[in-house]
Protein backbone atom coordinates (compact mmCIF):
# COMPACT_ATOMS: atom_id res chain seq x y z
CA TRP A 1 11.07 6.92 -12.31
CA MET A 2 10.83 6.70 -16.56
CA ILE A 3 10.94 3.01 -15.95
CA ALA A 4 8.70 2.62 -13.32
CA LEU A 5 5.76 4.71 -14.68
CA GLY A 6 6.48 4.10 -18.18
CA THR A 7 5.99 0.02 -17.43
CA ALA A 8 2.95 0.63 -15.47
CA LEU A 9 1.23 2.76 -18.04
CA ALA A 10 2.22 0.60 -20.96
CA ALA A 11 1.07 -2.53 -19.14
CA GLU A 12 -2.56 -1.08 -18.16
CA ILE A 13 -3.27 -0.52 -21.68
CA VAL A 14 -1.80 -3.93 -22.95
CA LEU A 15 -3.53 -6.01 -20.53
CA PHE A 16 -6.88 -3.94 -20.49
CA ARG A 17 -7.02 -4.32 -24.06
CA LEU A 18 -6.36 -7.67 -23.82
CA TYR A 19 -9.09 -8.55 -21.01
CA SER A 20 -11.84 -6.48 -22.53
CA GLY A 21 -10.95 -4.30 -25.20
CA GLY A 22 -11.24 -0.44 -25.19
CA PHE A 23 -8.82 2.24 -23.68
CA PRO A 24 -8.21 2.00 -19.66
CA ASN A 25 -8.52 4.57 -17.32
CA LEU A 26 -4.79 5.22 -16.63
CA LEU A 27 -5.18 6.96 -12.99
CA SER A 28 -4.59 3.77 -11.24
CA ALA A 29 -1.47 2.86 -13.36
CA TYR A 30 -0.21 6.44 -12.72
CA ILE A 31 -0.43 6.36 -9.09
CA SER A 32 1.22 2.70 -9.11
CA GLY A 33 4.17 3.72 -11.23
CA ASN A 34 4.92 6.71 -9.30
CA SER A 35 4.75 4.95 -6.16
CA VAL A 36 6.76 2.23 -7.22
CA ALA A 37 9.60 4.97 -8.21
CA ILE A 38 9.58 6.54 -4.65
CA LEU A 39 9.19 3.28 -2.46
CA LEU A 40 12.10 0.97 -3.98
CA LYS A 41 15.53 1.24 -3.38
CA PRO A 42 17.46 -1.28 -5.54
CA SER A 43 21.04 -1.89 -4.47
CA SER A 44 23.57 -0.33 -6.80
CA ASP A 45 22.82 0.54 -9.81
CA LEU A 46 19.92 -1.72 -10.83
CA LEU A 47 17.24 -0.70 -12.61
CA TRP A 48 14.96 -3.83 -13.51
CA PRO A 49 13.58 -4.25 -9.89
CA TYR A 50 11.52 -0.92 -11.33
CA PHE A 51 10.35 -2.76 -14.46
CA VAL A 52 9.40 -6.10 -12.66
CA CYS A 53 7.62 -4.30 -9.62
CA SER A 54 5.65 -2.07 -12.03
CA LEU A 55 4.80 -5.21 -14.35
CA LEU A 56 3.98 -7.20 -11.12
CA ALA A 57 1.44 -4.15 -9.71
CA ILE A 58 -0.64 -3.92 -12.88
CA SER A 59 -0.31 -7.68 -13.72
CA SER A 60 -1.90 -8.58 -10.18
CA LYS A 61 -5.10 -6.46 -11.15
CA TYR A 62 -5.69 -8.95 -13.94
CA VAL A 63 -4.44 -12.01 -12.42
CA LEU A 64 -5.35 -12.06 -8.55
CA ARG A 65 -9.24 -11.46 -8.89
CA TYR A 66 -12.47 -13.13 -7.47
CA ARG A 67 -15.92 -11.74 -8.57
CA GLY A 68 -14.55 -8.86 -10.77
CA ARG A 69 -12.55 -7.46 -7.96
CA HIS A 70 -8.54 -7.47 -7.89
CA LEU A 71 -7.76 -8.44 -4.29
CA TRP A 72 -4.65 -6.57 -3.40
CA ASN A 73 -3.72 -3.02 -3.90
CA PRO A 74 -1.48 -3.21 -6.86
CA THR A 75 1.57 -1.39 -5.16
CA ASN A 76 1.13 -2.84 -2.06
CA PHE A 77 1.53 -6.26 -3.95
CA SER A 78 4.33 -5.83 -6.08
CA VAL A 79 6.62 -4.10 -3.34
CA CYS A 80 5.71 -6.54 -0.61
CA LEU A 81 6.62 -9.22 -3.09
CA MET A 82 9.78 -7.88 -4.35
CA LEU A 83 10.90 -7.53 -0.68
CA LEU A 84 10.12 -11.02 -0.14
CA VAL A 85 11.73 -12.67 -3.32
CA ALA A 86 14.70 -10.28 -3.68
CA ALA A 87 15.59 -9.32 -0.36
CA GLY A 88 19.24 -9.15 -1.25
CA GLN A 89 18.89 -6.54 -4.09
CA VAL A 90 15.91 -4.62 -3.17
CA SER A 91 14.99 -2.56 -0.14
CA MET A 92 12.19 0.05 0.94
CA LEU A 93 13.40 3.59 0.75
CA SER A 94 12.94 5.18 4.23
CA HIS A 95 14.13 8.54 3.58
CA GLN A 96 13.43 10.72 0.24
CA TRP A 97 11.10 13.72 1.40
CA GLY A 98 12.25 14.78 4.92
CA ASN A 99 10.64 15.72 7.78
CA ALA A 100 10.87 19.59 7.12
CA PRO A 101 7.62 21.31 8.24
CA ALA A 102 6.66 23.18 5.22
CA MET A 103 7.17 19.87 2.99
CA VAL A 104 4.97 17.54 5.43
CA ALA A 105 2.30 20.33 5.18
CA VAL A 106 2.31 20.45 1.29
CA ILE A 107 2.12 16.57 1.13
CA TRP A 108 -0.44 16.14 3.61
CA SER A 109 -2.48 18.91 2.35
CA VAL A 110 -2.77 17.46 -1.14
CA GLY A 111 -2.80 13.77 0.25
CA LEU A 112 -5.80 15.01 2.30
CA LEU A 113 -7.83 16.76 -0.44
CA ILE A 114 -7.35 13.65 -2.61
CA VAL A 115 -8.82 11.28 -0.11
CA TRP A 116 -11.68 13.75 0.82
CA ARG A 117 -12.63 14.03 -2.84
CA ALA A 118 -12.54 10.22 -3.08
CA ARG A 119 -14.67 10.05 -0.12
CA VAL A 120 -12.40 7.89 1.99
CA LEU A 121 -11.09 10.41 4.39
CA HIS A 122 -12.40 8.33 6.96
CA LEU A 123 -9.72 5.51 6.43
CA THR A 124 -6.96 7.39 6.31
CA LEU A 125 -7.93 9.62 9.74
CA THR A 126 -8.79 6.00 11.18
CA TYR A 127 -5.47 4.37 10.35
CA LEU A 128 -3.70 7.77 11.66
CA GLY A 129 -5.62 7.96 14.86
CA ALA A 130 -5.04 4.36 15.34
CA PHE A 131 -1.35 4.48 14.54
CA ALA A 132 -0.95 7.48 17.09
CA LEU A 133 -2.76 5.59 19.88
CA LEU A 134 -0.66 2.52 19.23
CA ALA A 135 2.41 4.05 18.86
CA TRP A 136 1.99 5.62 22.33
CA ALA A 137 1.28 1.85 23.36
CA ARG A 138 4.42 0.52 22.04
CA THR A 139 6.37 2.99 24.14
CA LEU A 140 4.77 1.45 27.46
CA ILE A 141 6.33 -1.70 26.25
CA ASN A 142 9.60 -1.15 24.48
CA HIS A 143 10.41 2.24 26.49
CA GLN A 144 11.17 3.99 23.11
CA PRO A 145 10.69 8.09 22.84
CA LEU A 146 7.05 8.75 21.47
CA GLY A 147 8.76 10.90 19.02
CA GLY A 148 10.66 7.93 17.65
CA GLU A 149 7.45 5.79 17.25
CA LEU A 150 5.62 8.60 15.46
CA GLY A 151 8.24 9.81 13.32
CA PRO A 152 7.43 7.33 10.39
CA ALA A 153 4.18 8.64 9.35
CA THR A 154 6.10 11.68 7.68
CA GLY A 155 7.80 9.24 5.92
CA PRO A 156 7.52 8.37 2.04
CA MET A 157 6.21 4.96 2.96
CA TYR A 158 3.33 5.95 5.55
CA GLN A 159 2.28 8.69 3.58
CA LEU A 160 1.59 6.68 0.21
CA PHE A 161 0.18 3.93 2.41
CA MET A 162 -2.33 6.54 4.14
CA PHE A 163 -3.33 8.02 1.35
CA PHE A 164 -3.12 5.78 -1.67
CA MET A 165 -3.22 2.05 -0.40
CA VAL A 166 -5.61 1.81 2.69
CA THR A 167 -8.05 3.71 0.60
CA ASP A 168 -7.82 2.13 -2.24
CA PRO A 169 -11.45 2.19 -3.55
CA ARG A 170 -11.31 -0.94 -5.71
CA THR A 171 -9.68 -3.11 -2.84
CA ILE A 172 -11.65 -1.91 0.36
CA VAL A 173 -14.44 -3.66 1.48
CA ARG A 174 -18.19 -2.01 0.97
CA GLY A 175 -19.67 -0.31 4.20
CA THR A 176 -18.16 2.31 6.17
CA ALA A 177 -18.17 0.40 9.51
CA LYS A 178 -16.35 -2.21 7.85
CA GLN A 179 -14.07 -0.20 5.87
CA ILE A 180 -13.11 1.25 9.76
CA GLY A 181 -12.93 -2.01 10.97
CA VAL A 182 -10.37 -3.39 8.27
CA VAL A 183 -8.11 -0.35 9.02
CA LEU A 184 -7.99 -1.18 12.71
CA VAL A 185 -7.22 -4.62 12.12
CA VAL A 186 -4.59 -3.52 9.68
CA ALA A 187 -3.23 -1.05 12.61
CA LEU A 188 -3.07 -3.85 15.14
CA ILE A 189 -1.11 -6.19 12.99
CA GLU A 190 1.49 -3.90 12.08
CA CYS A 191 1.62 -2.66 15.76
CA ALA A 192 2.42 -6.60 16.31
CA ILE A 193 4.77 -6.83 13.68
CA ARG A 194 6.68 -3.56 14.86
CA LEU A 195 6.62 -5.21 18.34
CA LEU A 196 8.05 -8.32 17.16
CA CYS A 197 10.82 -6.46 15.39
CA ASP A 198 11.92 -4.58 18.06
CA PHE A 199 12.18 -7.54 20.32
CA ASP A 200 14.13 -9.41 17.74
CA VAL A 201 11.11 -12.02 17.46
CA ILE A 202 11.40 -11.28 13.87
CA PRO A 203 14.98 -10.90 12.86
CA SER A 204 15.68 -7.28 12.19
CA GLY A 205 16.69 -8.12 8.58
CA SER A 206 13.49 -9.18 7.67
CA PRO A 207 11.40 -7.71 5.00
CA LEU A 208 8.33 -7.33 7.43
CA CYS A 209 10.51 -5.29 9.56
CA ALA A 210 11.30 -2.62 6.93
CA ALA A 211 7.61 -2.24 5.80
CA PRO A 212 5.25 -3.27 8.72
CA PRO A 213 2.52 -1.31 7.39
CA MET A 214 2.58 -2.77 3.98
CA PHE A 215 2.45 -6.46 5.24
CA ALA A 216 -0.18 -6.09 7.37
CA LEU A 217 -2.32 -4.78 4.63
CA PHE A 218 -1.09 -7.33 2.17
CA LEU A 219 -1.96 -10.17 5.00
CA VAL A 220 -5.12 -8.87 6.06
CA GLY A 221 -7.01 -6.71 3.12
CA PRO A 222 -7.21 -9.13 0.45
CA ILE A 223 -8.48 -11.86 3.02
CA LEU A 224 -11.25 -9.88 4.44
CA LEU A 225 -12.43 -8.59 1.12
CA TYR A 226 -12.28 -12.39 -0.18
CA LEU A 227 -14.74 -13.53 2.67
CA GLN A 228 -17.28 -10.28 1.96
CA LEU A 229 -17.07 -10.81 -1.71
CA ALA A 230 -17.74 -14.68 -1.16
CA ARG A 231 -20.56 -14.19 0.99
CA ALA A 232 -22.44 -11.48 -1.34
CA PRO A 233 -24.66 -12.67 -4.38
CA ALA A 234 -22.59 -13.13 -7.62
CA PRO A 235 -22.52 -10.13 -9.63
CA ALA A 236 -23.29 -9.81 -13.33
CA ALA A 237 -20.51 -10.23 -15.75
CA ALA A 238 -18.52 -6.88 -15.75
CA PRO A 239 -16.14 -5.29 -17.59
CA GLY A 240 -12.25 -5.43 -17.08
CA PRO A 241 -10.38 -3.55 -14.38
CA THR A 242 -10.62 0.04 -13.50
CA ALA A 243 -8.97 2.84 -11.82
């Protein structure tokens, strides 16, 4: 945790000063560092993945940019990239908080409060509703219990995804209807990935099967944001990345 969070904060300060000077808002780096610490599960006692993943997350905001906006959610980008290029040494943490009702209630209460105050509650609720509906649809195809299809929503990956990734104000498109549309597309792509993994069209050991929602957003979100930015009038010069 110290390596992941410390790297994210230090990288944000250094890159922001190099990019535009001044001192940055560290909220984004704080969220990214904590998310990396929670989501990554390196093999053995490796510590370097926490450093590399946090550095990639913050660096992506300053490198993968178009018209003053970074295209990928930082943590989403870095975790997916680590799973792709270091699959033999890094995996996704699938269990940490457990499914105890009291713990889940606390996490969801805090998460819902955060997205409500950020005025992106509609994105979390849209994704949650789409996930539940598509989970039921998957049971008609793969004949798995509904509880098993819904269960991942209480795990760390899905909770961080719903509250901090699909709702990231800096990487979502503009317009409520368009935002909801993007979330629905992400949910559909995730459902497709999960079904392809269920029937071994995508091998079960593939990184895509370890993190379907992460890779769905990784593939869909930046493309749709880029297309919207490309069609908009060129913006005036803006300062460096913010939270």
